[in-house]
Amino acid sequence: MFKIGDQVVHPMHGAGFIEGVEMQTVGGVQREYYNISLLGGKIRLKFPVENSGIVRLRPLVDVKRAQELMHHFNTLQIDMSGPWSKRYKENIDRIKKGDPEEVVEVIKTLMLRDKMVGLSTGDRQMMVMAKNILCSELAMVMQSDVETIFSELQDAIKIEMG
């Protein structure tokens, strides 16, 4: 169980911290909820404590792991084949897992695809979502901001594309 002040990552919303824990009745059922303030404090999320293991609410990675993820982004080789519908489903599944390495793969795949052939609206929305999830976590860990982290990822793609 997380406690107030813990920094966490929600796999579909990104990084934030536990502001509080409260009991709330929804649909006639009383449950304990985390109050999570996502990076920047503009978005707040209520999340059932009992679901935190199911949805994989997890603590932030440490600085060493964050640096490894940035290195992984730079060295990762991407397979660009496969039909759109299959790629889209695989990417959604990767994001939902909550594994930051999987999110790195989604972002790099979509960024490369964007540079090579462009993205569909669905892929573009997914890239923005994945970028926000990963970059919010790395920004909190590395005491930076989301835009700086994403800029570093874009620079890596530029170098790779030559």
Foldseek 3Di string as FASTA:
>chain_A
DDAFQFWKAQLQAAIWTFNHWDWDADPNDIFIWTWTQAPPSPDIDTHGPVCCVVQVTGGFDALVVLVVLLVCLLPPDADQDDDPVVLLVQLVVLSSVSDLNSLSRLLSNLLLCCVVPRDDPSSVVSNVRSLRRNLSRSCVNVVHHSVVVVVSSNVSSVVVVD
